[in-house]
Protein backbone atom coordinates (compact mmCIF):
# COMPACT_ATOMS: atom_id res chain seq x y z
CA UNK A 1 93.62 102.12 51.83
CA UNK A 2 96.03 102.54 54.74
CA UNK A 3 98.03 99.38 55.56
CA UNK A 4 97.33 97.65 58.86
CA UNK A 5 100.45 97.20 60.98
CA UNK A 6 100.54 93.71 62.50
CA UNK A 7 103.56 93.15 64.74
CA UNK A 8 101.81 90.26 66.46
CA UNK A 9 98.68 88.16 66.05
CA UNK A 10 95.61 90.29 66.88
CA UNK A 11 93.45 89.18 69.79
CA UNK A 12 90.42 88.99 67.49
CA UNK A 13 91.86 86.12 65.44
CA UNK A 14 89.85 82.94 65.92
CA UNK A 15 93.05 80.93 66.33
CA UNK A 16 94.33 80.51 69.91
CA UNK A 17 97.42 82.70 70.03
CA UNK A 18 99.32 80.49 72.48
CA UNK A 19 98.86 77.48 70.21
CA UNK A 20 99.92 79.42 67.12
CA UNK A 21 103.06 80.58 68.89
CA UNK A 22 103.85 77.02 69.94
CA UNK A 23 103.48 75.78 66.35
CA UNK A 24 105.61 78.63 65.01
CA UNK A 25 108.29 78.07 67.66
CA UNK A 26 108.56 74.40 66.73
CA UNK A 27 108.85 75.24 63.04
CA UNK A 28 111.56 77.83 63.66
CA UNK A 29 113.51 75.46 65.88
CA UNK A 30 113.37 72.86 63.14
CA UNK A 31 114.50 75.30 60.43
CA UNK A 32 117.09 77.38 62.28
CA UNK A 33 118.82 74.62 64.21
CA UNK A 34 121.70 76.20 66.10
CA UNK A 35 121.65 79.30 63.88
CA UNK A 36 121.65 80.59 60.30
CA UNK A 37 125.34 80.33 59.49
CA UNK A 38 124.89 81.82 56.02
CA UNK A 39 123.02 84.95 57.13
CA UNK A 40 125.01 85.54 60.33
CA UNK A 41 128.34 85.40 58.50
CA UNK A 42 127.33 87.27 55.36
CA UNK A 43 124.74 89.96 56.14
CA UNK A 44 125.81 92.93 58.32
CA UNK A 45 123.84 93.13 61.56
CA UNK A 46 122.83 96.75 60.95
CA UNK A 47 121.35 96.18 57.47
CA UNK A 48 117.64 96.99 57.20
CA UNK A 49 115.37 95.41 54.60
CA UNK A 50 111.94 95.66 53.03
CA UNK A 51 110.32 92.47 51.72
CA UNK A 52 107.08 92.15 49.74
CA UNK A 53 104.93 89.06 50.23
CA UNK A 54 103.62 88.35 46.74
CA UNK A 55 101.03 85.82 45.56
CA UNK A 56 102.61 84.53 42.36
CA UNK A 57 99.47 82.51 41.66
CA UNK A 58 96.01 83.84 42.44
CA UNK A 59 93.96 82.51 45.30
CA UNK A 60 92.43 83.10 48.72
CA UNK A 61 94.66 84.87 51.21
CA UNK A 62 95.05 82.92 54.45
CA UNK A 63 97.63 82.93 57.20
CA UNK A 64 98.83 86.54 57.23
CA UNK A 65 98.63 86.62 61.01
CA UNK A 66 100.67 83.43 61.27
CA UNK A 67 103.23 84.87 58.87
CA UNK A 68 103.50 87.97 61.07
CA UNK A 69 103.93 85.78 64.15
CA UNK A 70 106.78 83.86 62.49
CA UNK A 71 108.74 87.05 61.88
CA UNK A 72 107.85 88.40 65.34
CA UNK A 73 109.13 85.21 66.95
CA UNK A 74 112.51 85.77 65.28
CA UNK A 75 112.65 89.48 66.10
CA UNK A 76 109.94 91.49 67.88
CA UNK A 77 111.06 94.67 66.10
CA UNK A 78 110.06 93.31 62.68
CA UNK A 79 106.73 94.73 61.46
CA UNK A 80 104.30 93.41 58.86
CA UNK A 81 101.98 95.66 56.88
CA UNK A 82 98.91 93.69 55.82
CA UNK A 83 97.62 95.13 52.54
CA UNK A 84 94.61 92.83 52.13
CA UNK A 85 92.17 91.12 54.46
CA UNK A 86 92.24 87.48 55.49
CA UNK A 87 89.98 85.54 53.13
CA UNK A 88 90.28 88.00 50.23
CA UNK A 89 90.58 86.57 46.71
CA UNK A 90 93.63 88.03 44.96
CA UNK A 91 94.98 87.92 41.41
CA UNK A 92 98.44 86.63 40.46
CA UNK A 93 101.38 88.89 41.37
CA UNK A 94 99.37 90.65 44.06
CA UNK A 95 101.44 92.00 46.95
CA UNK A 96 99.52 91.16 50.12
CA UNK A 97 101.95 92.33 52.81
CA UNK A 98 105.22 94.16 53.32
CA UNK A 99 107.76 93.18 55.96
CA UNK A 100 110.13 95.78 57.46
CA UNK A 101 113.06 95.25 59.77
CA UNK A 102 116.48 93.69 60.23
CA UNK A 103 117.61 91.96 57.04
CA UNK A 104 119.05 89.15 59.13
CA UNK A 105 115.77 88.59 60.96
CA UNK A 106 113.68 88.63 57.80
CA UNK A 107 115.98 86.14 56.11
CA UNK A 108 115.83 83.83 59.12
CA UNK A 109 112.05 83.86 59.29
CA UNK A 110 111.36 83.83 55.55
CA UNK A 111 111.07 80.10 54.88
CA UNK A 112 108.93 79.27 57.90
CA UNK A 113 106.64 82.26 57.33
CA UNK A 114 106.13 81.36 53.67
CA UNK A 115 105.63 77.66 54.42
CA UNK A 116 102.69 78.53 56.65
CA UNK A 117 101.01 81.04 54.38
CA UNK A 118 101.50 78.91 51.25
CA UNK A 119 99.97 75.85 52.92
CA UNK A 120 97.07 77.72 54.50
CA UNK A 121 96.29 79.72 51.35
CA UNK A 122 96.32 76.56 49.24
CA UNK A 123 93.74 74.95 51.53
CA UNK A 124 91.57 78.07 51.68
CA UNK A 125 91.65 78.39 47.88
CA UNK A 126 90.72 74.75 47.32
CA UNK A 127 87.92 74.97 49.87
CA UNK A 128 86.49 78.05 48.17
CA UNK A 129 86.31 76.14 44.89
CA UNK A 130 84.40 73.27 46.47
CA UNK A 131 82.04 75.66 48.25
CA UNK A 132 81.37 77.50 45.00
CA UNK A 133 80.37 74.24 43.30
CA UNK A 134 77.50 73.69 45.76
CA UNK A 135 76.32 77.29 45.89
CA UNK A 136 72.54 77.44 46.15
CA UNK A 137 72.22 74.12 47.99
CA UNK A 138 71.68 73.77 51.74
CA UNK A 139 74.91 71.79 52.07
CA UNK A 140 78.03 72.30 54.17
CA UNK A 141 81.50 71.44 52.84
CA UNK A 142 83.67 70.20 55.71
CA UNK A 143 87.16 68.88 56.36
CA UNK A 144 88.30 65.61 57.97
CA UNK A 145 91.02 64.54 60.42
CA UNK A 146 93.33 63.82 57.48
CA UNK A 147 95.56 66.75 58.39
CA UNK A 148 99.32 67.32 58.63
CA UNK A 149 100.50 66.14 62.06
CA UNK A 150 100.86 69.14 64.35
CA UNK A 151 99.22 71.57 61.91
CA UNK A 152 95.54 70.66 62.31
CA UNK A 153 94.71 73.95 64.04
CA UNK A 154 96.02 76.03 61.14
CA UNK A 155 94.65 73.80 58.40
CA UNK A 156 91.15 73.77 59.88
CA UNK A 157 91.29 77.55 60.16
CA UNK A 158 92.17 77.69 56.46
CA UNK A 159 89.10 75.59 55.63
CA UNK A 160 86.91 78.10 57.48
CA UNK A 161 88.56 81.03 55.71
CA UNK A 162 87.75 79.34 52.40
CA UNK A 163 84.07 79.15 53.36
CA UNK A 164 83.98 75.57 54.62
CA UNK A 165 83.25 74.14 58.05
CA UNK A 166 85.05 71.79 60.38
CA UNK A 167 84.35 68.19 61.36
CA UNK A 168 85.29 66.99 64.87
CA UNK A 169 88.70 68.28 65.96
CA UNK A 170 89.91 65.05 67.55
CA UNK A 171 88.69 61.69 68.84
CA UNK A 172 87.39 63.21 72.08
CA UNK A 173 85.38 65.84 70.25
CA UNK A 174 82.50 63.70 69.04
CA UNK A 175 81.19 60.17 68.47
CA UNK A 176 81.74 58.67 65.02
CA UNK A 177 81.14 54.92 64.88
CA UNK A 178 82.93 53.35 61.92
CA UNK A 179 82.76 49.89 60.40
CA UNK A 180 85.79 48.69 62.37
CA UNK A 181 84.07 49.59 65.62
CA UNK A 182 81.09 47.46 64.63
CA UNK A 183 83.32 44.56 63.57
CA UNK A 184 84.97 44.62 66.99
CA UNK A 185 81.54 44.48 68.66
CA UNK A 186 80.50 41.39 66.70
CA UNK A 187 83.14 39.34 68.52
CA UNK A 188 81.11 39.93 71.68
CA UNK A 189 77.84 39.01 70.06
CA UNK A 190 76.40 42.51 70.49
CA UNK A 191 73.95 43.71 67.85
CA UNK A 192 74.36 47.12 66.23
CA UNK A 193 71.13 48.61 67.56
CA UNK A 194 71.79 47.39 71.08
CA UNK A 195 75.38 48.64 70.99
CA UNK A 196 74.36 52.10 69.81
CA UNK A 197 71.67 52.38 72.47
CA UNK A 198 74.20 51.40 75.15
CA UNK A 199 76.55 54.02 73.74
CA UNK A 200 73.85 56.67 74.04
CA UNK A 201 73.48 55.85 77.74
CA UNK A 202 77.23 56.20 78.35
CA UNK A 203 77.94 59.57 76.77
CA UNK A 204 76.80 63.08 77.76
CA UNK A 205 73.31 63.96 76.60
CA UNK A 206 74.76 66.87 74.60
CA UNK A 207 76.94 64.60 72.44
CA UNK A 208 75.67 63.62 69.02
CA UNK A 209 76.18 60.15 67.54
CA UNK A 210 77.17 59.63 63.92
CA UNK A 211 77.52 56.18 62.36
CA UNK A 212 79.21 55.18 59.11
CA UNK A 213 77.48 52.89 56.63
CA UNK A 214 78.72 51.54 53.32
CA UNK A 215 75.48 49.95 52.15
CA UNK A 216 71.95 51.29 51.89
CA UNK A 217 70.67 48.16 53.64
CA UNK A 218 72.35 49.30 56.88
CA UNK A 219 70.40 52.55 57.11
CA UNK A 220 67.14 51.29 58.71
CA UNK A 221 69.09 49.72 61.56
CA UNK A 222 70.85 53.01 62.29
CA UNK A 223 67.56 54.88 62.27
CA UNK A 224 66.08 52.33 64.66
CA UNK A 225 68.97 52.99 67.02
CA UNK A 226 68.14 56.72 66.95
CA UNK A 227 71.48 58.05 65.70
CA UNK A 228 71.80 61.76 64.97
CA UNK A 229 73.79 61.48 61.74
CA UNK A 230 74.63 58.83 59.17
CA UNK A 231 77.81 58.93 57.13
CA UNK A 232 77.44 57.44 53.63
CA UNK A 233 80.91 56.05 52.96
CA UNK A 234 81.99 55.88 49.31
CA UNK A 235 78.43 56.08 48.00
CA UNK A 236 77.91 57.13 44.40
CA UNK A 237 75.65 60.14 43.85
CA UNK A 238 72.90 57.75 42.74
CA UNK A 239 73.28 55.65 45.91
CA UNK A 240 73.31 58.81 48.01
CA UNK A 241 70.01 59.90 46.46
CA UNK A 242 68.45 56.51 47.20
CA UNK A 243 69.84 56.55 50.75
CA UNK A 244 68.49 60.04 51.37
CA UNK A 245 65.01 58.77 50.50
CA UNK A 246 65.35 56.02 53.11
CA UNK A 247 66.56 58.47 55.77
CA UNK A 248 63.72 60.86 54.91
CA UNK A 249 65.00 63.65 57.14
CA UNK A 250 65.28 61.51 60.29
CA UNK A 251 69.05 62.04 60.55
CA UNK A 252 71.72 64.32 59.16
CA UNK A 253 73.39 62.78 56.12
CA UNK A 254 77.12 63.12 55.52
CA UNK A 255 78.88 62.01 52.35
CA UNK A 256 82.52 60.99 52.58
CA UNK A 257 85.00 59.27 50.32
CA UNK A 258 86.29 60.18 46.89
CA UNK A 259 84.43 63.47 46.54
CA UNK A 260 85.96 65.67 43.83
CA UNK A 261 85.21 69.03 42.24
CA UNK A 262 83.55 67.21 39.36
CA UNK A 263 81.23 65.14 41.59
CA UNK A 264 80.43 67.34 44.58
CA UNK A 265 77.48 69.08 42.92
CA UNK A 266 75.87 65.73 42.11
CA UNK A 267 76.09 64.80 45.80
CA UNK A 268 74.50 68.10 46.76
CA UNK A 269 71.69 67.44 44.29
CA UNK A 270 71.17 63.99 45.90
CA UNK A 271 69.80 65.63 49.03
CA UNK A 272 72.62 65.20 51.54
CA UNK A 273 73.39 67.72 54.29
CA UNK A 274 77.15 67.58 54.72
CA UNK A 275 79.96 66.72 52.30
CA UNK A 276 83.37 65.97 53.80
CA UNK A 277 86.43 66.30 51.58
CA UNK A 278 89.66 64.85 52.95
CA UNK A 279 91.60 66.19 49.97
CA UNK A 280 91.21 69.74 51.29
CA UNK A 281 93.93 69.06 53.85
CA UNK A 282 95.69 65.86 52.85
CA UNK A 283 96.60 66.54 49.24
CA UNK A 284 95.91 70.16 48.30
CA UNK A 285 98.98 71.82 46.72
CA UNK A 286 100.42 74.87 48.42
CA UNK A 287 99.85 78.21 46.74
CA UNK A 288 102.91 79.85 45.17
CA UNK A 289 103.81 82.75 47.47
CA UNK A 290 107.17 84.51 47.40
CA UNK A 291 109.14 87.13 49.31
CA UNK A 292 110.74 89.85 47.15
CA UNK A 293 113.63 91.32 49.12
CA UNK A 294 115.17 94.80 48.88
CA UNK A 295 117.11 97.19 51.10
CA UNK A 296 115.05 99.68 53.09
CA UNK A 297 115.48 103.40 52.49
CA UNK A 298 118.77 104.32 54.12
CA UNK A 299 120.06 100.73 53.64
CA UNK A 300 122.00 100.63 56.93
CA UNK A 301 121.42 102.45 60.19
């Protein structure tokens, strides 16, 4: 298979290019400071290099385009050959891309580029495992807002690459009424059903309403209010099954809180529709990805 040359993020990528470039620029500014004093004073400016991006542990490839953008932001003449497709499962020691260009530029962009691809690949790999556990069920595995500050765009993309789906992007992206919202309402003497009906009148007709419950006894009240989705917070699989019977298809059911690889299938079997897993983005380890450096043919030019 012929390698695909990617000197910049392709227009077909689902990530907004301007936002990716902003994130990359911030990361490079943080890492480079006023300049790489080691590289600039040690490596000759004319030295050319070839560097292989290698997955030292197996997993789902994610973030190649962001890696390419990191090197491009340092030096537009640097090229990246992508040897596999985004979302492909690879074995340990697989070379997924080759970087060509100025040795100085590659060294300056190396850490930032690897930080992105390691983080994104780790999330995509973890998501794929969760999705595999519920294969055969009509259930969606989704992320949460428990993301790294400033990196939500990339981390949510990684969840999609791993086969998952995304929850609301931010607080303006959808209505999710949590227990603390309802506690605040009680100080005004407003009942839950009344409050939710008032809410429906205040938001656009296209906006769905989801409400969190932590007890089965709360479900009938939410159904009376006509909510679109009910989030079962920290329910056991047995409680989720009982709650699903009460809902009886009248609202979408989301499970959230403490879901693990060992329990997610039990939740799917309970009859829920959506399972959110905060661990996908807040505590998933990065994949081990390295850059193996060598001089290009001709060494210096």
